[in-house]
N, C-alpha and C. Protein backbone atom coordinates (compact mmCIF):
# COMPACT_ATOMS: atom_id res chain seq x y z
N MET A 1 91.53 103.36 96.95
CA MET A 1 90.95 104.28 95.97
C MET A 1 91.14 105.72 96.43
N GLN A 2 91.44 106.59 95.50
CA GLN A 2 91.68 107.99 95.81
C GLN A 2 90.44 108.84 95.53
N LYS A 3 90.23 109.84 96.37
CA LYS A 3 89.11 110.77 96.18
C LYS A 3 89.18 111.46 94.82
N GLU A 4 90.39 111.77 94.36
CA GLU A 4 90.56 112.45 93.08
C GLU A 4 90.05 111.60 91.91
N ASN A 5 90.14 110.28 92.03
CA ASN A 5 89.64 109.40 90.97
C ASN A 5 88.12 109.49 90.85
N ILE A 6 87.46 109.66 91.99
CA ILE A 6 86.00 109.81 91.99
C ILE A 6 85.63 111.14 91.34
N LYS A 7 86.36 112.20 91.68
CA LYS A 7 86.07 113.52 91.11
C LYS A 7 86.30 113.54 89.60
N LYS A 8 87.32 112.83 89.13
CA LYS A 8 87.56 112.73 87.69
C LYS A 8 86.40 112.04 86.98
N ALA A 9 85.88 110.98 87.60
CA ALA A 9 84.74 110.27 87.02
C ALA A 9 83.50 111.16 87.00
N LEU A 10 83.30 111.95 88.05
CA LEU A 10 82.16 112.87 88.10
C LEU A 10 82.28 113.97 87.05
N GLU A 11 83.47 114.46 86.84
CA GLU A 11 83.71 115.48 85.80
C GLU A 11 83.35 114.93 84.43
N GLU A 12 83.77 113.69 84.17
CA GLU A 12 83.44 113.05 82.89
C GLU A 12 81.94 112.82 82.77
N LEU A 13 81.33 112.42 83.86
CA LEU A 13 79.88 112.17 83.86
C LEU A 13 79.11 113.45 83.53
N ARG A 14 79.45 114.53 84.17
CA ARG A 14 78.74 115.79 83.92
C ARG A 14 78.99 116.29 82.50
N LYS A 15 80.20 116.11 82.01
CA LYS A 15 80.58 116.59 80.68
C LYS A 15 79.81 115.86 79.59
N ASN A 16 79.57 114.57 79.77
CA ASN A 16 78.98 113.74 78.72
C ASN A 16 77.49 113.44 78.91
N SER A 17 76.88 114.05 79.92
CA SER A 17 75.46 113.80 80.19
C SER A 17 74.61 114.99 79.78
N THR A 18 73.42 114.70 79.29
CA THR A 18 72.48 115.74 78.90
C THR A 18 71.73 116.25 80.13
N LYS A 19 71.66 117.54 80.29
CA LYS A 19 70.98 118.14 81.42
C LYS A 19 69.48 117.87 81.35
N LYS A 20 68.89 117.44 82.44
CA LYS A 20 67.46 117.16 82.51
C LYS A 20 66.74 118.29 83.24
N LYS A 21 65.42 118.26 83.19
CA LYS A 21 64.61 119.31 83.83
C LYS A 21 64.37 119.04 85.31
N PHE A 22 64.95 117.97 85.82
CA PHE A 22 64.79 117.66 87.23
C PHE A 22 66.16 117.33 87.84
N ASN A 23 66.21 117.35 89.14
CA ASN A 23 67.44 117.07 89.87
C ASN A 23 67.68 115.56 89.91
N GLN A 24 68.62 115.09 89.10
CA GLN A 24 68.86 113.65 89.02
C GLN A 24 69.66 113.15 90.22
N SER A 25 69.35 111.92 90.61
CA SER A 25 70.14 111.27 91.65
C SER A 25 71.46 110.80 91.07
N ILE A 26 72.45 110.66 91.94
CA ILE A 26 73.71 110.02 91.58
C ILE A 26 73.62 108.57 92.04
N ASP A 27 73.83 107.64 91.13
CA ASP A 27 73.77 106.22 91.46
C ASP A 27 75.17 105.62 91.43
N LEU A 28 75.52 104.89 92.47
CA LEU A 28 76.81 104.23 92.56
C LEU A 28 76.58 102.72 92.52
N VAL A 29 77.32 102.03 91.66
CA VAL A 29 77.23 100.57 91.56
C VAL A 29 78.60 99.98 91.87
N ILE A 30 78.65 99.12 92.88
CA ILE A 30 79.90 98.45 93.24
C ILE A 30 79.75 96.97 92.90
N ASN A 31 80.48 96.51 91.90
CA ASN A 31 80.43 95.11 91.50
C ASN A 31 81.48 94.30 92.25
N LEU A 32 81.05 93.16 92.77
CA LEU A 32 81.91 92.34 93.62
C LEU A 32 82.39 91.09 92.89
N ARG A 33 83.38 90.43 93.47
CA ARG A 33 83.91 89.20 92.88
C ARG A 33 84.54 88.33 93.99
N ASP A 34 84.72 87.06 93.65
CA ASP A 34 85.43 86.12 94.52
C ASP A 34 84.81 86.03 95.91
N LEU A 35 83.48 85.99 95.94
CA LEU A 35 82.75 85.83 97.20
C LEU A 35 81.70 84.73 97.04
N ASP A 36 81.51 83.93 98.06
CA ASP A 36 80.44 82.95 98.07
C ASP A 36 79.29 83.53 98.89
N LEU A 37 78.33 84.14 98.19
CA LEU A 37 77.24 84.82 98.88
C LEU A 37 76.23 83.85 99.50
N LYS A 38 76.40 82.56 99.23
CA LYS A 38 75.53 81.58 99.90
C LYS A 38 75.89 81.46 101.38
N LYS A 39 77.09 81.89 101.71
CA LYS A 39 77.53 81.89 103.11
C LYS A 39 77.17 83.24 103.74
N PRO A 40 76.38 83.24 104.79
CA PRO A 40 75.94 84.50 105.41
C PRO A 40 77.08 85.43 105.79
N GLU A 41 78.23 84.86 106.19
CA GLU A 41 79.34 85.72 106.61
C GLU A 41 79.94 86.53 105.47
N ASN A 42 79.63 86.13 104.22
CA ASN A 42 80.15 86.87 103.05
C ASN A 42 79.15 87.91 102.53
N GLN A 43 77.94 87.88 103.03
CA GLN A 43 76.93 88.82 102.57
C GLN A 43 77.14 90.20 103.19
N VAL A 44 76.73 91.21 102.45
CA VAL A 44 76.86 92.60 102.93
C VAL A 44 75.47 93.13 103.26
N ASP A 45 75.31 93.64 104.46
CA ASP A 45 74.07 94.31 104.86
C ASP A 45 74.42 95.26 106.01
N VAL A 46 74.70 96.49 105.65
CA VAL A 46 75.18 97.45 106.65
C VAL A 46 74.64 98.85 106.35
N TYR A 47 74.36 99.59 107.39
CA TYR A 47 73.99 100.99 107.25
C TYR A 47 75.23 101.84 107.52
N THR A 48 75.41 102.87 106.72
CA THR A 48 76.58 103.73 106.92
C THR A 48 76.18 105.20 106.84
N GLN A 49 76.97 106.04 107.48
CA GLN A 49 76.72 107.47 107.51
C GLN A 49 77.52 108.18 106.42
N LEU A 50 76.86 109.06 105.70
CA LEU A 50 77.52 109.91 104.72
C LEU A 50 78.00 111.19 105.40
N THR A 51 78.99 111.81 104.81
CA THR A 51 79.48 113.09 105.35
C THR A 51 78.50 114.21 105.07
N HIS A 52 77.88 114.16 103.88
CA HIS A 52 77.01 115.26 103.44
C HIS A 52 75.59 114.76 103.15
N SER A 53 74.61 115.51 103.60
CA SER A 53 73.21 115.19 103.30
C SER A 53 72.93 115.46 101.83
N LYS A 54 72.01 114.68 101.26
CA LYS A 54 71.57 114.93 99.89
C LYS A 54 70.67 116.16 99.88
N THR A 55 70.61 116.84 98.74
CA THR A 55 69.68 117.98 98.65
C THR A 55 68.25 117.48 98.51
N LYS A 56 68.09 116.25 98.02
CA LYS A 56 66.75 115.66 97.95
C LYS A 56 66.30 115.26 99.35
N GLN A 57 65.04 115.52 99.66
CA GLN A 57 64.52 115.23 100.99
C GLN A 57 64.49 113.73 101.27
N VAL A 58 64.93 113.35 102.47
CA VAL A 58 64.80 111.98 102.95
C VAL A 58 63.53 111.92 103.79
N LYS A 59 62.56 111.11 103.38
CA LYS A 59 61.26 111.09 104.05
C LYS A 59 61.17 109.93 105.04
N THR A 60 60.67 110.27 106.23
CA THR A 60 60.54 109.28 107.29
C THR A 60 59.08 109.10 107.69
N CYS A 61 58.75 107.87 108.06
CA CYS A 61 57.40 107.55 108.54
C CYS A 61 57.53 106.88 109.90
N ALA A 62 56.82 107.39 110.89
CA ALA A 62 56.84 106.81 112.23
C ALA A 62 55.58 105.98 112.45
N ILE A 63 55.78 104.72 112.84
CA ILE A 63 54.66 103.81 113.16
C ILE A 63 54.71 103.59 114.66
N ILE A 64 53.78 104.19 115.37
CA ILE A 64 53.95 104.37 116.81
C ILE A 64 52.66 104.19 117.61
N GLY A 65 52.84 104.14 118.94
CA GLY A 65 51.74 104.24 119.88
C GLY A 65 51.59 105.68 120.32
N PRO A 66 50.63 105.95 121.22
CA PRO A 66 50.37 107.35 121.65
C PRO A 66 51.54 108.01 122.36
N GLU A 67 52.45 107.20 122.95
CA GLU A 67 53.56 107.75 123.72
C GLU A 67 54.50 108.61 122.87
N LEU A 68 54.62 108.30 121.58
CA LEU A 68 55.58 108.99 120.71
C LEU A 68 54.92 109.97 119.74
N LYS A 69 53.65 110.20 119.92
CA LYS A 69 52.91 110.99 118.93
C LYS A 69 53.44 112.41 118.80
N GLU A 70 53.74 113.07 119.89
CA GLU A 70 54.17 114.47 119.84
C GLU A 70 55.54 114.63 119.17
N THR A 71 56.51 113.83 119.58
CA THR A 71 57.85 113.95 118.98
C THR A 71 57.83 113.52 117.52
N ALA A 72 56.94 112.58 117.17
CA ALA A 72 56.82 112.16 115.77
C ALA A 72 56.23 113.27 114.92
N LYS A 73 55.24 113.98 115.46
CA LYS A 73 54.63 115.11 114.74
C LYS A 73 55.66 116.18 114.42
N GLU A 74 56.57 116.40 115.34
CA GLU A 74 57.57 117.46 115.19
C GLU A 74 58.69 117.10 114.22
N ASN A 75 58.93 115.80 114.03
CA ASN A 75 60.14 115.40 113.30
C ASN A 75 59.94 114.53 112.07
N CYS A 76 58.83 113.84 111.96
CA CYS A 76 58.62 112.89 110.85
C CYS A 76 57.65 113.43 109.82
N ASP A 77 57.76 112.92 108.61
CA ASP A 77 56.88 113.36 107.52
C ASP A 77 55.49 112.75 107.63
N THR A 78 55.41 111.51 108.10
CA THR A 78 54.14 110.81 108.21
C THR A 78 54.08 110.07 109.54
N ILE A 79 52.90 110.06 110.16
CA ILE A 79 52.71 109.35 111.42
C ILE A 79 51.56 108.35 111.25
N ILE A 80 51.80 107.12 111.67
CA ILE A 80 50.76 106.10 111.67
C ILE A 80 50.67 105.54 113.09
N THR A 81 49.50 105.64 113.69
CA THR A 81 49.30 105.10 115.03
C THR A 81 48.60 103.74 114.94
N VAL A 82 48.55 103.07 116.07
CA VAL A 82 47.94 101.74 116.11
C VAL A 82 46.50 101.79 115.59
N ASP A 83 45.79 102.86 115.87
CA ASP A 83 44.40 102.99 115.42
C ASP A 83 44.28 103.03 113.90
N ASP A 84 45.38 103.40 113.22
CA ASP A 84 45.36 103.50 111.75
C ASP A 84 45.67 102.17 111.06
N PHE A 85 46.12 101.17 111.81
CA PHE A 85 46.58 99.92 111.21
C PHE A 85 45.55 99.25 110.30
N PRO A 86 44.26 99.18 110.71
CA PRO A 86 43.28 98.46 109.88
C PRO A 86 43.16 98.99 108.46
N GLU A 87 43.25 100.31 108.27
CA GLU A 87 43.07 100.85 106.92
C GLU A 87 44.22 100.47 105.99
N TYR A 88 45.39 100.18 106.56
CA TYR A 88 46.51 99.72 105.74
C TYR A 88 46.45 98.21 105.52
N GLN A 89 46.01 97.49 106.52
CA GLN A 89 45.87 96.04 106.38
C GLN A 89 44.82 95.67 105.33
N GLU A 90 43.82 96.51 105.21
CA GLU A 90 42.71 96.24 104.29
C GLU A 90 42.92 96.85 102.92
N ASN A 91 43.96 97.65 102.75
CA ASN A 91 44.19 98.34 101.48
C ASN A 91 45.66 98.21 101.08
N LYS A 92 45.98 97.14 100.36
CA LYS A 92 47.36 96.89 99.98
C LYS A 92 47.91 97.99 99.09
N ARG A 93 47.07 98.55 98.23
CA ARG A 93 47.52 99.62 97.33
C ARG A 93 48.00 100.83 98.13
N LYS A 94 47.28 101.15 99.18
CA LYS A 94 47.66 102.27 100.04
C LYS A 94 48.98 101.98 100.75
N LEU A 95 49.17 100.74 101.13
CA LEU A 95 50.40 100.33 101.80
C LEU A 95 51.60 100.39 100.85
N ILE A 96 51.39 99.98 99.61
CA ILE A 96 52.46 100.05 98.60
C ILE A 96 52.85 101.51 98.33
N LYS A 97 51.85 102.37 98.26
CA LYS A 97 52.10 103.81 98.05
C LYS A 97 52.91 104.38 99.21
N LEU A 98 52.57 103.96 100.41
CA LEU A 98 53.30 104.41 101.60
C LEU A 98 54.77 104.00 101.52
N ALA A 99 55.01 102.76 101.12
CA ALA A 99 56.38 102.24 101.01
C ALA A 99 57.19 103.01 99.97
N LYS A 100 56.56 103.33 98.84
CA LYS A 100 57.25 104.04 97.77
C LYS A 100 57.62 105.46 98.17
N GLU A 101 56.80 106.09 98.99
CA GLU A 101 56.96 107.51 99.29
C GLU A 101 57.92 107.80 100.44
N HIS A 102 58.37 106.75 101.15
CA HIS A 102 59.22 106.99 102.32
C HIS A 102 60.52 106.20 102.22
N ASP A 103 61.58 106.83 102.71
CA ASP A 103 62.91 106.20 102.69
C ASP A 103 63.16 105.33 103.91
N PHE A 104 62.68 105.79 105.08
CA PHE A 104 62.88 105.06 106.32
C PHE A 104 61.59 104.98 107.13
N PHE A 105 61.41 103.84 107.79
CA PHE A 105 60.28 103.64 108.69
C PHE A 105 60.80 103.43 110.10
N ILE A 106 60.25 104.19 111.03
CA ILE A 106 60.64 104.13 112.44
C ILE A 106 59.50 103.46 113.20
N ALA A 107 59.85 102.53 114.11
CA ALA A 107 58.83 101.77 114.82
C ALA A 107 59.03 101.84 116.33
N GLN A 108 57.91 101.89 117.04
CA GLN A 108 57.96 101.79 118.50
C GLN A 108 58.14 100.33 118.87
N ALA A 109 59.18 100.03 119.63
CA ALA A 109 59.56 98.64 119.92
C ALA A 109 58.45 97.83 120.56
N THR A 110 57.66 98.46 121.42
CA THR A 110 56.64 97.74 122.18
C THR A 110 55.47 97.25 121.32
N ILE A 111 55.36 97.75 120.10
CA ILE A 111 54.27 97.29 119.22
C ILE A 111 54.81 96.63 117.94
N MET A 112 56.08 96.22 117.96
CA MET A 112 56.68 95.61 116.77
C MET A 112 55.92 94.39 116.25
N PRO A 113 55.42 93.49 117.10
CA PRO A 113 54.65 92.35 116.57
C PRO A 113 53.42 92.78 115.75
N LYS A 114 52.74 93.83 116.22
CA LYS A 114 51.57 94.34 115.49
C LYS A 114 52.00 95.00 114.18
N ILE A 115 53.14 95.69 114.21
CA ILE A 115 53.66 96.33 113.00
C ILE A 115 54.04 95.28 111.96
N ALA A 116 54.70 94.23 112.40
CA ALA A 116 55.09 93.16 111.48
C ALA A 116 53.87 92.53 110.83
N LYS A 117 52.83 92.33 111.59
CA LYS A 117 51.60 91.72 111.06
C LYS A 117 50.90 92.63 110.06
N ALA A 118 50.86 93.92 110.37
CA ALA A 118 50.11 94.86 109.52
C ALA A 118 50.89 95.34 108.29
N PHE A 119 52.23 95.48 108.43
CA PHE A 119 53.01 96.11 107.37
C PHE A 119 54.08 95.21 106.76
N GLY A 120 54.37 94.09 107.40
CA GLY A 120 55.49 93.25 106.97
C GLY A 120 55.39 92.72 105.56
N ARG A 121 54.18 92.41 105.11
CA ARG A 121 54.03 91.80 103.78
C ARG A 121 54.50 92.73 102.66
N VAL A 122 54.42 94.03 102.87
CA VAL A 122 54.86 95.00 101.85
C VAL A 122 56.22 95.59 102.20
N LEU A 123 56.39 96.09 103.41
CA LEU A 123 57.67 96.70 103.78
C LEU A 123 58.80 95.68 103.79
N GLY A 124 58.50 94.45 104.21
CA GLY A 124 59.52 93.41 104.27
C GLY A 124 60.08 93.07 102.91
N THR A 125 59.22 92.91 101.92
CA THR A 125 59.67 92.54 100.57
C THR A 125 60.43 93.67 99.89
N ARG A 126 60.26 94.89 100.38
CA ARG A 126 60.96 96.04 99.80
C ARG A 126 62.17 96.48 100.64
N GLY A 127 62.50 95.69 101.65
CA GLY A 127 63.65 96.01 102.49
C GLY A 127 63.46 97.27 103.31
N LYS A 128 62.20 97.59 103.67
CA LYS A 128 61.94 98.84 104.38
C LYS A 128 61.33 98.66 105.76
N MET A 129 61.31 97.42 106.26
CA MET A 129 60.85 97.24 107.63
C MET A 129 61.76 97.99 108.58
N PRO A 130 61.21 98.59 109.65
CA PRO A 130 62.05 99.29 110.63
C PRO A 130 63.17 98.37 111.11
N ASN A 131 64.40 98.87 111.01
CA ASN A 131 65.56 98.02 111.25
C ASN A 131 66.38 98.51 112.44
N PRO A 132 66.62 97.64 113.43
CA PRO A 132 67.43 98.05 114.59
C PRO A 132 68.84 98.48 114.20
N LYS A 133 69.40 97.93 113.10
CA LYS A 133 70.75 98.31 112.67
C LYS A 133 70.84 99.79 112.34
N ALA A 134 69.72 100.35 111.88
CA ALA A 134 69.69 101.78 111.55
C ALA A 134 69.20 102.62 112.72
N GLY A 135 68.90 101.97 113.84
CA GLY A 135 68.38 102.68 115.01
C GLY A 135 66.91 103.00 114.90
N CYS A 136 66.19 102.28 114.01
CA CYS A 136 64.81 102.63 113.70
C CYS A 136 63.76 101.89 114.53
N VAL A 137 64.19 101.09 115.49
CA VAL A 137 63.26 100.47 116.44
C VAL A 137 63.57 101.09 117.80
N ILE A 138 62.60 101.85 118.31
CA ILE A 138 62.90 102.75 119.44
C ILE A 138 61.96 102.51 120.62
N PRO A 139 62.40 102.88 121.83
CA PRO A 139 61.54 102.74 123.01
C PRO A 139 60.45 103.81 123.04
N PRO A 140 59.42 103.62 123.86
CA PRO A 140 58.27 104.55 123.88
C PRO A 140 58.59 105.98 124.30
N LYS A 141 59.72 106.20 124.97
CA LYS A 141 60.04 107.56 125.43
C LYS A 141 61.21 108.18 124.68
N ALA A 142 61.47 107.71 123.47
CA ALA A 142 62.61 108.20 122.69
C ALA A 142 62.36 109.61 122.15
N ASN A 143 63.45 110.33 121.91
CA ASN A 143 63.40 111.63 121.23
C ASN A 143 63.75 111.37 119.77
N LEU A 144 62.84 111.64 118.86
CA LEU A 144 63.04 111.30 117.45
C LEU A 144 63.92 112.29 116.68
N LYS A 145 64.14 113.47 117.22
CA LYS A 145 64.88 114.48 116.47
C LYS A 145 66.29 114.02 116.07
N PRO A 146 67.14 113.53 117.00
CA PRO A 146 68.49 113.11 116.59
C PRO A 146 68.48 111.93 115.64
N LEU A 147 67.51 111.02 115.78
CA LEU A 147 67.42 109.88 114.88
C LEU A 147 67.08 110.32 113.46
N VAL A 148 66.10 111.21 113.32
CA VAL A 148 65.70 111.68 111.99
C VAL A 148 66.85 112.44 111.32
N GLU A 149 67.57 113.24 112.10
CA GLU A 149 68.73 113.97 111.56
C GLU A 149 69.80 112.98 111.07
N LYS A 150 70.01 111.92 111.82
CA LYS A 150 70.99 110.89 111.45
C LYS A 150 70.56 110.18 110.16
N LEU A 151 69.27 109.89 110.04
CA LEU A 151 68.77 109.16 108.87
C LEU A 151 68.92 109.96 107.58
N LYS A 152 68.99 111.27 107.68
CA LYS A 152 69.18 112.11 106.49
C LYS A 152 70.53 111.84 105.82
N LYS A 153 71.47 111.29 106.59
CA LYS A 153 72.80 110.99 106.06
C LYS A 153 73.08 109.48 106.04
N THR A 154 72.04 108.67 106.17
CA THR A 154 72.23 107.22 106.26
C THR A 154 71.86 106.53 104.95
N VAL A 155 72.68 105.57 104.53
CA VAL A 155 72.35 104.74 103.38
C VAL A 155 72.56 103.27 103.76
N ARG A 156 71.83 102.39 103.10
CA ARG A 156 71.96 100.96 103.34
C ARG A 156 72.73 100.31 102.19
N LEU A 157 73.71 99.49 102.54
CA LEU A 157 74.52 98.80 101.55
C LEU A 157 74.23 97.31 101.65
N THR A 158 73.72 96.70 100.57
CA THR A 158 73.36 95.29 100.63
C THR A 158 73.86 94.52 99.41
N ALA A 159 74.33 93.32 99.66
CA ALA A 159 74.65 92.35 98.61
C ALA A 159 74.46 90.97 99.23
N LYS A 160 73.29 90.38 98.98
CA LYS A 160 72.96 89.09 99.58
C LYS A 160 72.85 87.97 98.55
N THR A 161 72.30 88.29 97.40
CA THR A 161 72.15 87.27 96.35
C THR A 161 72.82 87.69 95.04
N GLN A 162 73.00 88.97 94.84
CA GLN A 162 73.63 89.48 93.63
C GLN A 162 74.98 90.11 93.96
N TYR A 163 75.92 89.99 93.03
CA TYR A 163 77.27 90.45 93.27
C TYR A 163 77.45 91.93 92.98
N CYS A 164 76.51 92.73 93.44
CA CYS A 164 76.65 94.19 93.28
C CYS A 164 75.90 94.91 94.38
N ILE A 165 76.40 96.08 94.70
CA ILE A 165 75.78 96.96 95.68
C ILE A 165 75.36 98.21 94.95
N LYS A 166 74.09 98.57 95.05
CA LYS A 166 73.58 99.78 94.41
C LYS A 166 73.14 100.75 95.49
N VAL A 167 73.62 101.99 95.41
CA VAL A 167 73.34 102.96 96.45
C VAL A 167 73.37 104.36 95.85
N THR A 168 72.72 105.31 96.53
CA THR A 168 72.65 106.69 96.05
C THR A 168 73.43 107.59 97.01
N PRO A 169 74.64 108.00 96.64
CA PRO A 169 75.46 108.85 97.53
C PRO A 169 75.16 110.34 97.43
N GLY A 170 74.27 110.74 96.51
CA GLY A 170 73.98 112.16 96.37
C GLY A 170 73.12 112.45 95.17
N ASP A 171 73.12 113.70 94.74
CA ASP A 171 72.37 114.13 93.57
C ASP A 171 73.15 115.22 92.86
N GLU A 172 72.71 115.57 91.64
CA GLU A 172 73.53 116.44 90.79
C GLU A 172 73.66 117.88 91.29
N LYS A 173 72.81 118.29 92.23
CA LYS A 173 72.93 119.64 92.78
C LYS A 173 74.08 119.75 93.78
N MET A 174 74.56 118.62 94.26
CA MET A 174 75.68 118.63 95.19
C MET A 174 76.99 118.86 94.44
N SER A 175 77.99 119.36 95.11
CA SER A 175 79.29 119.57 94.48
C SER A 175 79.99 118.23 94.29
N ASP A 176 80.93 118.19 93.35
CA ASP A 176 81.70 116.97 93.13
C ASP A 176 82.47 116.57 94.38
N ASP A 177 82.94 117.55 95.11
CA ASP A 177 83.70 117.28 96.33
C ASP A 177 82.82 116.60 97.37
N GLN A 178 81.59 117.07 97.54
CA GLN A 178 80.66 116.47 98.50
C GLN A 178 80.31 115.04 98.11
N ILE A 179 80.01 114.85 96.82
CA ILE A 179 79.66 113.50 96.35
C ILE A 179 80.83 112.55 96.52
N ALA A 180 82.04 113.03 96.18
CA ALA A 180 83.24 112.19 96.29
C ALA A 180 83.48 111.77 97.74
N GLU A 181 83.26 112.68 98.68
CA GLU A 181 83.44 112.33 100.08
C GLU A 181 82.42 111.29 100.53
N ASN A 182 81.18 111.41 100.04
CA ASN A 182 80.16 110.41 100.36
C ASN A 182 80.51 109.05 99.77
N VAL A 183 81.03 109.04 98.55
CA VAL A 183 81.44 107.79 97.91
C VAL A 183 82.58 107.14 98.71
N MET A 184 83.48 107.95 99.20
CA MET A 184 84.58 107.42 100.03
C MET A 184 84.04 106.79 101.31
N ASN A 185 83.03 107.41 101.92
CA ASN A 185 82.39 106.82 103.11
C ASN A 185 81.85 105.43 102.79
N ILE A 186 81.17 105.33 101.65
CA ILE A 186 80.57 104.07 101.23
C ILE A 186 81.64 103.03 100.95
N TYR A 187 82.66 103.43 100.22
CA TYR A 187 83.75 102.51 99.86
C TYR A 187 84.43 101.96 101.11
N THR A 188 84.71 102.82 102.07
CA THR A 188 85.35 102.38 103.31
C THR A 188 84.49 101.39 104.07
N SER A 189 83.18 101.65 104.11
CA SER A 189 82.26 100.74 104.80
C SER A 189 82.18 99.39 104.11
N VAL A 190 82.16 99.41 102.78
CA VAL A 190 82.05 98.16 102.02
C VAL A 190 83.28 97.28 102.20
N ILE A 191 84.47 97.85 102.01
CA ILE A 191 85.68 97.02 102.10
C ILE A 191 85.87 96.49 103.52
N GLY A 192 85.31 97.21 104.50
CA GLY A 192 85.39 96.73 105.88
C GLY A 192 84.56 95.49 106.12
N LYS A 193 83.62 95.19 105.20
CA LYS A 193 82.75 94.02 105.33
C LYS A 193 83.16 92.86 104.42
N LEU A 194 84.18 93.08 103.58
CA LEU A 194 84.60 92.06 102.62
C LEU A 194 85.82 91.31 103.14
N SER A 195 85.84 90.00 102.96
CA SER A 195 86.91 89.17 103.51
C SER A 195 88.28 89.53 102.94
N GLN A 196 88.33 89.91 101.65
CA GLN A 196 89.59 90.28 101.04
C GLN A 196 89.65 91.78 100.72
N GLU A 197 88.79 92.52 101.34
CA GLU A 197 88.74 93.98 101.21
C GLU A 197 88.74 94.42 99.74
N GLU A 198 89.70 95.26 99.33
CA GLU A 198 89.70 95.81 97.96
C GLU A 198 89.72 94.74 96.88
N ARG A 199 90.30 93.60 97.17
CA ARG A 199 90.42 92.54 96.16
C ARG A 199 89.08 91.92 95.80
N ASN A 200 88.06 92.13 96.66
CA ASN A 200 86.73 91.63 96.36
C ASN A 200 85.90 92.59 95.52
N ILE A 201 86.45 93.75 95.19
CA ILE A 201 85.74 94.72 94.35
C ILE A 201 86.22 94.59 92.91
N LYS A 202 85.30 94.24 92.02
CA LYS A 202 85.62 94.09 90.60
C LYS A 202 85.76 95.45 89.93
N ASN A 203 84.76 96.30 90.11
CA ASN A 203 84.81 97.67 89.60
C ASN A 203 83.74 98.51 90.27
N MET A 204 83.81 99.82 90.04
CA MET A 204 82.82 100.76 90.57
C MET A 204 82.38 101.70 89.45
N LEU A 205 81.07 101.86 89.33
CA LEU A 205 80.50 102.71 88.29
C LEU A 205 79.65 103.80 88.93
N ILE A 206 79.63 104.97 88.31
CA ILE A 206 78.82 106.07 88.81
C ILE A 206 78.03 106.66 87.65
N LYS A 207 76.76 107.05 87.92
CA LYS A 207 75.90 107.54 86.84
C LYS A 207 74.82 108.45 87.42
N PHE A 208 74.17 109.21 86.52
CA PHE A 208 72.95 109.91 86.87
C PHE A 208 71.78 108.95 86.68
N THR A 209 70.61 109.36 87.16
CA THR A 209 69.40 108.56 86.99
C THR A 209 69.21 108.15 85.53
N MET A 210 69.42 109.10 84.62
CA MET A 210 69.21 108.84 83.20
C MET A 210 70.49 109.13 82.41
N SER A 211 71.50 108.35 82.64
CA SER A 211 72.75 108.51 81.89
C SER A 211 73.48 107.18 81.82
N LYS A 212 74.47 107.15 80.96
CA LYS A 212 75.35 105.99 80.91
C LYS A 212 76.34 106.08 82.07
N PRO A 213 76.78 104.93 82.58
CA PRO A 213 77.72 104.96 83.70
C PRO A 213 79.15 105.30 83.29
N VAL A 214 79.89 105.81 84.24
CA VAL A 214 81.32 106.07 84.07
C VAL A 214 82.05 105.26 85.14
N GLU A 215 83.13 104.59 84.73
CA GLU A 215 83.87 103.77 85.69
C GLU A 215 84.82 104.64 86.50
N ILE A 216 84.87 104.35 87.80
CA ILE A 216 85.83 105.01 88.69
C ILE A 216 87.09 104.17 88.77
N GLN A 217 88.22 104.76 88.49
CA GLN A 217 89.48 104.03 88.57
C GLN A 217 89.80 103.74 90.04
N LEU A 218 90.03 102.49 90.34
CA LEU A 218 90.26 102.09 91.72
C LEU A 218 91.69 102.32 92.17
N LYS A 219 92.63 102.39 91.20
CA LYS A 219 94.04 102.59 91.53
C LYS A 219 94.62 103.75 90.73
């Protein structure tokens, strides 16, 4: 796939979409084919780095012990310590709100069993449990600044039961060139996980939050 094909699709998308009063996300849908997703080796679950950060804020929540409190205060949007666990265990609504408001959850490795017990029922079902693949399970003496900076450009690509990958490579305030480069990052990561690479991709669609999709020409 060529970068210019992505930019052409973005030009068409902007031309035919009605401007909204808010900054819409760019949604990318990659439809797959000729894969048996019942076999774990054919499933896609990978974190990848984008070239450009989104203009929309990526929010992080640190679930930690006292050892990481200072670095978490300096770098994360929300901090939850072990002492705070009961109020979330006893209030599912508050836990759901927490999950909705944050993109990534960072966990101190030494208290992971307690985190799983207190937060797993909600974060697990939403695919937001702290994940070692993203570097989000950390030792007690870690520096959170480089991890949080990395997460600003990180997206998760998954296809386990459905033959499509849905991901947000940017938003409408970004330039077409920036979005196209991010889409290329995603495309490269996806084909690297598919047994037949490009041949396993049926099509790719790009859209705003509230718009009809435009197909990206793959060739």
